[in-house]
Each structure stands twice: as structure tokens, then as C-alpha cells.
PDB file of N, CA and C in Angstrom:
ATOM      1  N   ARG A   1      71.221  59.005 133.325  1.00  0.00           N
ATOM      2  CA  ARG A   1      70.459  58.647 134.505  1.00  0.00           C
ATOM      3  C   ARG A   1      69.363  59.658 134.721  1.00  0.00           C
ATOM      4  N   THR A   2      68.313  59.224 135.372  1.00  0.00           N
ATOM      5  CA  THR A   2      67.174  60.079 135.664  1.00  0.00           C
ATOM      6  C   THR A   2      67.056  60.266 137.163  1.00  0.00           C
ATOM      7  N   VAL A   3      67.104  61.496 137.620  1.00  0.00           N
ATOM      8  CA  VAL A   3      66.936  61.799 139.039  1.00  0.00           C
ATOM      9  C   VAL A   3      65.448  61.910 139.315  1.00  0.00           C
ATOM     10  N   VAL A   4      64.957  61.133 140.302  1.00  0.00           N
ATOM     11  CA  VAL A   4      63.527  61.149 140.610  1.00  0.00           C
ATOM     12  C   VAL A   4      63.201  61.968 141.850  1.00  0.00           C
ATOM     13  N   TRP A   5      64.197  62.216 142.694  1.00  0.00           N
ATOM     14  CA  TRP A   5      63.967  63.004 143.898  1.00  0.00           C
ATOM     15  C   TRP A   5      65.291  63.546 144.387  1.00  0.00           C
ATOM     16  N   VAL A   6      65.313  64.799 144.821  1.00  0.00           N
ATOM     17  CA  VAL A   6      66.512  65.429 145.357  1.00  0.00           C
ATOM     18  C   VAL A   6      66.134  66.168 146.631  1.00  0.00           C
ATOM     19  N   ALA A   7      66.820  65.856 147.722  1.00  0.00           N
ATOM     20  CA  ALA A   7      66.515  66.485 149.005  1.00  0.00           C
ATOM     21  C   ALA A   7      67.042  67.907 149.089  1.00  0.00           C
ATOM     22  N   ASN A   8      68.119  68.174 148.419  1.00  0.00           N
ATOM     23  CA  ASN A   8      68.782  69.469 148.554  1.00  0.00           C
ATOM     24  C   ASN A   8      69.047  70.082 147.184  1.00  0.00           C
ATOM     25  N   ARG A   9      68.022  70.364 146.490  1.00  0.00           N
ATOM     26  CA  ARG A   9      68.094  70.862 145.114  1.00  0.00           C
ATOM     27  C   ARG A   9      68.961  72.114 144.987  1.00  0.00           C
ATOM     28  N   GLU A  10      68.928  73.019 145.967  1.00  0.00           N
ATOM     29  CA  GLU A  10      69.682  74.266 145.892  1.00  0.00           C
ATOM     30  C   GLU A  10      71.169  74.066 146.156  1.00  0.00           C
ATOM     31  N   ASN A  11      71.537  72.987 146.829  1.00  0.00           N
ATOM     32  CA  ASN A  11      72.924  72.756 147.222  1.00  0.00           C
ATOM     33  C   ASN A  11      73.287  71.286 147.004  1.00  0.00           C
ATOM     34  N   PRO A  12      73.344  70.826 145.761  1.00  0.00           N
ATOM     35  CA  PRO A  12      73.604  69.405 145.515  1.00  0.00           C
ATOM     36  C   PRO A  12      74.994  68.981 145.984  1.00  0.00           C
ATOM     37  N   VAL A  13      75.101  67.772 146.445  1.00  0.00           N
ATOM     38  CA  VAL A  13      76.364  67.228 146.928  1.00  0.00           C
ATOM     39  C   VAL A  13      77.103  66.587 145.759  1.00  0.00           C
ATOM     40  N   THR A  14      78.331  67.010 145.564  1.00  0.00           N
ATOM     41  CA  THR A  14      79.155  66.420 144.504  1.00  0.00           C
ATOM     42  C   THR A  14      80.301  65.603 145.077  1.00  0.00           C
ATOM     43  N   ASP A  15      80.466  65.632 146.388  1.00  0.00           N
ATOM     44  CA  ASP A  15      81.535  64.901 147.062  1.00  0.00           C
ATOM     45  C   ASP A  15      81.249  63.403 147.011  1.00  0.00           C
ATOM     46  N   PRO A  16      82.136  62.611 146.407  1.00  0.00           N
ATOM     47  CA  PRO A  16      81.889  61.169 146.311  1.00  0.00           C
ATOM     48  C   PRO A  16      81.948  60.445 147.655  1.00  0.00           C
ATOM     49  N   THR A  17      82.445  61.117 148.714  1.00  0.00           N
ATOM     50  CA  THR A  17      82.491  60.477 150.032  1.00  0.00           C
ATOM     51  C   THR A  17      81.307  60.877 150.910  1.00  0.00           C
ATOM     52  N   ALA A  18      80.359  61.627 150.364  1.00  0.00           N
ATOM     53  CA  ALA A  18      79.151  61.990 151.114  1.00  0.00           C
ATOM     54  C   ALA A  18      78.337  60.733 151.403  1.00  0.00           C
ATOM     55  N   ASN A  19      77.526  60.788 152.461  1.00  0.00           N
ATOM     56  CA  ASN A  19      76.707  59.615 152.765  1.00  0.00           C
ATOM     57  C   ASN A  19      75.390  60.008 153.413  1.00  0.00           C
ATOM     58  N   LEU A  20      74.456  59.087 153.334  1.00  0.00           N
ATOM     59  CA  LEU A  20      73.130  59.224 153.918  1.00  0.00           C
ATOM     60  C   LEU A  20      73.108  58.352 155.160  1.00  0.00           C
ATOM     61  N   THR A  21      72.686  58.919 156.283  1.00  0.00           N
ATOM     62  CA  THR A  21      72.703  58.175 157.533  1.00  0.00           C
ATOM     63  C   THR A  21      71.470  58.519 158.367  1.00  0.00           C
ATOM     64  N   ILE A  22      71.218  57.727 159.383  1.00  0.00           N
ATOM     65  CA  ILE A  22      70.139  57.996 160.328  1.00  0.00           C
ATOM     66  C   ILE A  22      70.787  58.332 161.664  1.00  0.00           C
ATOM     67  N   SER A  23      70.467  59.505 162.214  1.00  0.00           N
ATOM     68  CA  SER A  23      71.054  59.947 163.478  1.00  0.00           C
ATOM     69  C   SER A  23      70.472  59.156 164.644  1.00  0.00           C
ATOM     70  N   THR A  24      71.040  59.380 165.825  1.00  0.00           N
ATOM     71  CA  THR A  24      70.565  58.668 167.013  1.00  0.00           C
ATOM     72  C   THR A  24      69.130  59.019 167.376  1.00  0.00           C
ATOM     73  N   ASN A  25      68.640  60.201 166.934  1.00  0.00           N
ATOM     74  CA  ASN A  25      67.247  60.558 167.234  1.00  0.00           C
ATOM     75  C   ASN A  25      66.295  60.167 166.109  1.00  0.00           C
ATOM     76  N   GLY A  26      66.809  59.456 165.095  1.00  0.00           N
ATOM     77  CA  GLY A  26      65.952  58.964 164.025  1.00  0.00           C
ATOM     78  C   GLY A  26      65.828  59.879 162.833  1.00  0.00           C
ATOM     79  N   SER A  27      66.574  60.991 162.821  1.00  0.00           N
ATOM     80  CA  SER A  27      66.510  61.933 161.703  1.00  0.00           C
ATOM     81  C   SER A  27      67.387  61.441 160.554  1.00  0.00           C
ATOM     82  N   LEU A  28      66.889  61.566 159.355  1.00  0.00           N
ATOM     83  CA  LEU A  28      67.650  61.205 158.164  1.00  0.00           C
ATOM     84  C   LEU A  28      68.575  62.367 157.826  1.00  0.00           C
ATOM     85  N   LEU A  29      69.889  62.086 157.672  1.00  0.00           N
ATOM     86  CA  LEU A  29      70.883  63.126 157.421  1.00  0.00           C
ATOM     87  C   LEU A  29      71.672  62.829 156.157  1.00  0.00           C
ATOM     88  N   LEU A  30      71.974  63.871 155.410  1.00  0.00           N
ATOM     89  CA  LEU A  30      72.906  63.790 154.295  1.00  0.00           C
ATOM     90  C   LEU A  30      74.160  64.517 154.746  1.00  0.00           C
ATOM     91  N   LEU A  31      75.282  63.799 154.806  1.00  0.00           N
ATOM     92  CA  LEU A  31      76.540  64.352 155.301  1.00  0.00           C
ATOM     93  C   LEU A  31      77.539  64.495 154.172  1.00  0.00           C
ATOM     94  N   ASP A  32      78.341  65.581 154.227  1.00  0.00           N
ATOM     95  CA  ASP A  32      79.408  65.715 153.247  1.00  0.00           C
ATOM     96  C   ASP A  32      80.591  64.856 153.684  1.00  0.00           C
ATOM     97  N   GLY A  33      81.663  64.869 152.934  1.00  0.00           N
ATOM     98  CA  GLY A  33      82.823  64.033 153.230  1.00  0.00           C
ATOM     99  C   GLY A  33      83.488  64.344 154.553  1.00  0.00           C
ATOM    100  N   LYS A  34      83.244  65.549 155.093  1.00  0.00           N
ATOM    101  CA  LYS A  34      83.816  65.945 156.384  1.00  0.00           C
ATOM    102  C   LYS A  34      82.817  65.743 157.517  1.00  0.00           C
ATOM    103  N   ARG A  35      81.742  65.038 157.235  1.00  0.00           N
ATOM    104  CA  ARG A  35      80.672  64.711 158.178  1.00  0.00           C
ATOM    105  C   ARG A  35      79.864  65.931 158.605  1.00  0.00           C
ATOM    106  N   GLY A  36      79.904  66.986 157.800  1.00  0.00           N
ATOM    107  CA  GLY A  36      79.056  68.150 158.041  1.00  0.00           C
ATOM    108  C   GLY A  36      77.670  67.885 157.477  1.00  0.00           C
ATOM    109  N   ILE A  37      76.652  68.370 158.148  1.00  0.00           N
ATOM    110  CA  ILE A  37      75.281  68.148 157.697  1.00  0.00           C
ATOM    111  C   ILE A  37      74.978  69.064 156.518  1.00  0.00           C
ATOM    112  N   VAL A  38      74.671  68.460 155.383  1.00  0.00           N
ATOM    113  CA  VAL A  38      74.276  69.189 154.181  1.00  0.00           C
ATOM    114  C   VAL A  38      72.766  69.366 154.167  1.00  0.00           C
ATOM    115  N   TRP A  39      72.056  68.342 154.629  1.00  0.00           N
ATOM    116  CA  TRP A  39      70.593  68.340 154.629  1.00  0.00           C
ATOM    117  C   TRP A  39      70.112  67.420 155.732  1.00  0.00           C
ATOM    118  N   SER A  40      68.978  67.753 156.325  1.00  0.00           N
ATOM    119  CA  SER A  40      68.374  66.931 157.365  1.00  0.00           C
ATOM    120  C   SER A  40      66.874  66.860 157.146  1.00  0.00           C
ATOM    121  N   ALA A  41      66.301  65.706 157.430  1.00  0.00           N
ATOM    122  CA  ALA A  41      64.851  65.546 157.335  1.00  0.00           C
ATOM    123  C   ALA A  41      64.161  66.220 158.508  1.00  0.00           C
ATOM    124  N   GLY A  42      64.918  66.725 159.458  1.00  0.00           N
ATOM    125  CA  GLY A  42      64.343  67.396 160.620  1.00  0.00           C
ATOM    126  C   GLY A  42      64.290  66.465 161.807  1.00  0.00           C
ATOM    127  N   GLU A  43      63.859  67.014 162.912  1.00  0.00           N
ATOM    128  CA  GLU A  43      63.778  66.235 164.142  1.00  0.00           C
ATOM    129  C   GLU A  43      62.643  65.226 164.064  1.00  0.00           C
ATOM    130  N   THR A  44      62.917  64.044 164.537  1.00  0.00           N
ATOM    131  CA  THR A  44      61.874  63.026 164.656  1.00  0.00           C
ATOM    132  C   THR A  44      61.886  62.521 166.087  1.00  0.00           C
ATOM    133  N   SER A  45      60.961  61.689 166.417  1.00  0.00           N
ATOM    134  CA  SER A  45      60.922  61.157 167.771  1.00  0.00           C
ATOM    135  C   SER A  45      62.096  60.217 168.001  1.00  0.00           C
ATOM    136  N   ALA A  46      62.518  60.139 169.237  1.00  0.00           N
ATOM    137  CA  ALA A  46      63.604  59.231 169.584  1.00  0.00           C
ATOM    138  C   ALA A  46      63.173  57.799 169.302  1.00  0.00           C
ATOM    139  N   SER A  47      64.135  56.999 168.946  1.00  0.00           N
ATOM    140  CA  SER A  47      63.812  55.630 168.568  1.00  0.00           C
ATOM    141  C   SER A  47      64.935  54.703 168.977  1.00  0.00           C
ATOM    142  N   ASN A  48      64.610  53.463 169.286  1.00  0.00           N
ATOM    143  CA  ASN A  48      65.625  52.458 169.565  1.00  0.00           C
ATOM    144  C   ASN A  48      66.208  51.889 168.290  1.00  0.00           C
ATOM    145  N   GLY A  49      65.803  52.384 167.183  1.00  0.00           N
ATOM    146  CA  GLY A  49      66.307  51.931 165.900  1.00  0.00           C
ATOM    147  C   GLY A  49      65.332  52.303 164.813  1.00  0.00           C
ATOM    148  N   SER A  50      65.877  52.741 163.734  1.00  0.00           N
ATOM    149  CA  SER A  50      65.036  53.065 162.592  1.00  0.00           C
ATOM    150  C   SER A  50      65.759  52.646 161.334  1.00  0.00           C
ATOM    151  N   ARG A  51      65.002  52.577 160.270  1.00  0.00           N
ATOM    152  CA  ARG A  51      65.575  52.148 159.004  1.00  0.00           C
ATOM    153  C   ARG A  51      65.017  53.016 157.894  1.00  0.00           C
ATOM    154  N   ALA A  52      65.748  53.085 156.801  1.00  0.00           N
ATOM    155  CA  ALA A  52      65.277  53.802 155.622  1.00  0.00           C
ATOM    156  C   ALA A  52      64.958  52.778 154.547  1.00  0.00           C
ATOM    157  N   GLU A  53      63.843  52.962 153.874  1.00  0.00           N
ATOM    158  CA  GLU A  53      63.439  52.077 152.780  1.00  0.00           C
ATOM    159  C   GLU A  53      63.075  52.926 151.571  1.00  0.00           C
ATOM    160  N   LEU A  54      63.453  52.458 150.404  1.00  0.00           N
ATOM    161  CA  LEU A  54      63.060  53.105 149.160  1.00  0.00           C
ATOM    162  C   LEU A  54      61.995  52.232 148.525  1.00  0.00           C
ATOM    163  N   SER A  55      60.778  52.765 148.410  1.00  0.00           N
ATOM    164  CA  SER A  55      59.670  51.971 147.867  1.00  0.00           C
ATOM    165  C   SER A  55      59.803  51.823 146.357  1.00  0.00           C
ATOM    166  N   ASP A  56      59.038  50.917 145.799  1.00  0.00           N
ATOM    167  CA  ASP A  56      59.098  50.677 144.352  1.00  0.00           C
ATOM    168  C   ASP A  56      58.545  51.845 143.541  1.00  0.00           C
ATOM    169  N   ILE A  57      57.890  52.805 144.196  1.00  0.00           N
ATOM    170  CA  ILE A  57      57.411  53.997 143.488  1.00  0.00           C
ATOM    171  C   ILE A  57      58.330  55.197 143.728  1.00  0.00           C
ATOM    172  N   GLY A  58      59.461  54.973 144.418  1.00  0.00           N
ATOM    173  CA  GLY A  58      60.452  56.021 144.605  1.00  0.00           C
ATOM    174  C   GLY A  58      60.316  56.850 145.865  1.00  0.00           C
ATOM    175  N   ASN A  59      59.475  56.438 146.798  1.00  0.00           N
ATOM    176  CA  ASN A  59      59.307  57.157 148.057  1.00  0.00           C
ATOM    177  C   ASN A  59      60.349  56.653 149.050  1.00  0.00           C
ATOM    178  N   LEU A  60      61.213  57.554 149.537  1.00  0.00           N
ATOM    179  CA  LEU A  60      62.184  57.201 150.565  1.00  0.00           C
ATOM    180  C   LEU A  60      61.507  57.382 151.913  1.00  0.00           C
ATOM    181  N   ILE A  61      61.483  56.317 152.716  1.00  0.00           N
ATOM    182  CA  ILE A  61      60.719  56.307 153.962  1.00  0.00           C
ATOM    183  C   ILE A  61      61.634  55.930 155.122  1.00  0.00           C
ATOM    184  N   VAL A  62      61.551  56.692 156.229  1.00  0.00           N
ATOM    185  CA  VAL A  62      62.238  56.337 157.467  1.00  0.00           C
ATOM    186  C   VAL A  62      61.189  55.750 158.394  1.00  0.00           C
ATOM    187  N   ILE A  63      61.446  54.521 158.859  1.00  0.00           N
ATOM    188  CA  ILE A  63      60.471  53.762 159.644  1.00  0.00           C
ATOM    189  C   ILE A  63      61.061  53.410 161.001  1.00  0.00           C
ATOM    190  N   ASP A  64      60.279  53.575 162.063  1.00  0.00           N
ATOM    191  CA  ASP A  64      60.675  53.151 163.398  1.00  0.00           C
ATOM    192  C   ASP A  64      60.622  51.629 163.455  1.00  0.00           C
ATOM    193  N   ASN A  65      61.723  50.997 163.845  1.00  0.00           N
ATOM    194  CA  ASN A  65      61.780  49.535 163.880  1.00  0.00           C
ATOM    195  C   ASN A  65      60.869  48.918 164.929  1.00  0.00           C
ATOM    196  N   ILE A  66      60.618  49.619 166.017  1.00  0.00           N
ATOM    197  CA  ILE A  66      59.801  49.067 167.095  1.00  0.00           C
ATOM    198  C   ILE A  66      58.313  49.143 166.761  1.00  0.00           C
ATOM    199  N   SER A  67      57.848  50.343 166.430  1.00  0.00           N
ATOM    200  CA  SER A  67      56.411  50.541 166.205  1.00  0.00           C
ATOM    201  C   SER A  67      55.984  50.303 164.762  1.00  0.00           C
ATOM    202  N   GLY A  68      56.947  50.377 163.832  1.00  0.00           N
ATOM    203  CA  GLY A  68      56.606  50.269 162.421  1.00  0.00           C
ATOM    204  C   GLY A  68      56.041  51.562 161.853  1.00  0.00           C
ATOM    205  N   ARG A  69      56.006  52.607 162.686  1.00  0.00           N
ATOM    206  CA  ARG A  69      55.450  53.907 162.294  1.00  0.00           C
ATOM    207  C   ARG A  69      56.385  54.626 161.330  1.00  0.00           C
ATOM    208  N   THR A  70      55.818  55.281 160.334  1.00  0.00           N
ATOM    209  CA  THR A  70      56.596  56.100 159.411  1.00  0.00           C
ATOM    210  C   THR A  70      56.980  57.390 160.122  1.00  0.00           C
ATOM    211  N   LEU A  71      58.294  57.649 160.220  1.00  0.00           N
ATOM    212  CA  LEU A  71      58.791  58.852 160.873  1.00  0.00           C
ATOM    213  C   LEU A  71      58.938  60.005 159.887  1.00  0.00           C
ATOM    214  N   TRP A  72      59.241  59.686 158.644  1.00  0.00           N
ATOM    215  CA  TRP A  72      59.471  60.704 157.613  1.00  0.00           C
ATOM    216  C   TRP A  72      59.372  60.020 156.265  1.00  0.00           C
ATOM    217  N   GLN A  73      58.916  60.753 155.246  1.00  0.00           N
ATOM    218  CA  GLN A  73      58.921  60.213 153.891  1.00  0.00           C
ATOM    219  C   GLN A  73      59.100  61.331 152.876  1.00  0.00           C
ATOM    220  N   SER A  74      59.855  61.030 151.829  1.00  0.00           N
ATOM    221  CA  SER A  74      60.205  62.051 150.838  1.00  0.00           C
ATOM    222  C   SER A  74      58.991  62.598 150.108  1.00  0.00           C
ATOM    223  N   PHE A  75      57.961  61.814 149.910  1.00  0.00           N
ATOM    224  CA  PHE A  75      56.786  62.288 149.182  1.00  0.00           C
ATOM    225  C   PHE A  75      56.045  63.398 149.930  1.00  0.00           C
ATOM    226  N   GLU A  76      56.350  63.588 151.218  1.00  0.00           N
ATOM    227  CA  GLU A  76      55.767  64.693 151.980  1.00  0.00           C
ATOM    228  C   GLU A  76      56.637  65.941 151.910  1.00  0.00           C
ATOM    229  N   HIS A  77      57.807  65.821 151.270  1.00  0.00           N
ATOM    230  CA  HIS A  77      58.776  66.927 151.192  1.00  0.00           C
ATOM    231  C   HIS A  77      59.264  67.058 149.759  1.00  0.00           C
ATOM    232  N   LEU A  78      58.381  67.401 148.862  1.00  0.00           N
ATOM    233  CA  LEU A  78      58.706  67.396 147.436  1.00  0.00           C
ATOM    234  C   LEU A  78      59.531  68.591 146.985  1.00  0.00           C
ATOM    235  N   GLY A  79      59.626  69.648 147.788  1.00  0.00           N
ATOM    236  CA  GLY A  79      60.464  70.814 147.494  1.00  0.00           C
ATOM    237  C   GLY A  79      60.596  71.075 146.086  1.00  0.00           C
TER     238      GLY A  79
END
């Protein structure tokens, strides 16, 4: 397999029960199996709902469902 983007290169998650979620404030979070935050996209504006989309070019984008505004995108955080 080919990895195209890694949010936490220094501390990769190997736990098979880890998950990617969107917090109540719209921040994208990577949680370990014990629900501890391994990585966060940072604070974003509050939202009544947001979604994550992976574009066909590999950009992971968090979008506000109401405004359609991009809240965060991986291509801005290439680390």
C-alpha cells in the first residue's frame, strides 16, 4: 500500500480500534482505542454539522454543512 498523507507522522497509530471523528466544535480528531486524542486538526468554528470528504486528488477536507465553507483541509497541513 502507498500512504499519501499522514496527520501524525511522529506518532503513528497502530491500534486497530482507533478512529477518525469530528468533534462537536467541528474539529477533526484522531482518537486511539481508549478515545484519547492522538491528533487534532485544531479548533474550528462551531457548526451545526460538518462532514469530512476525501477528494479524488487525496485532499481530506472538513466542510461546514450549513455554509459549505471549508473548515480545514490536509493540503494546508502537509507536515
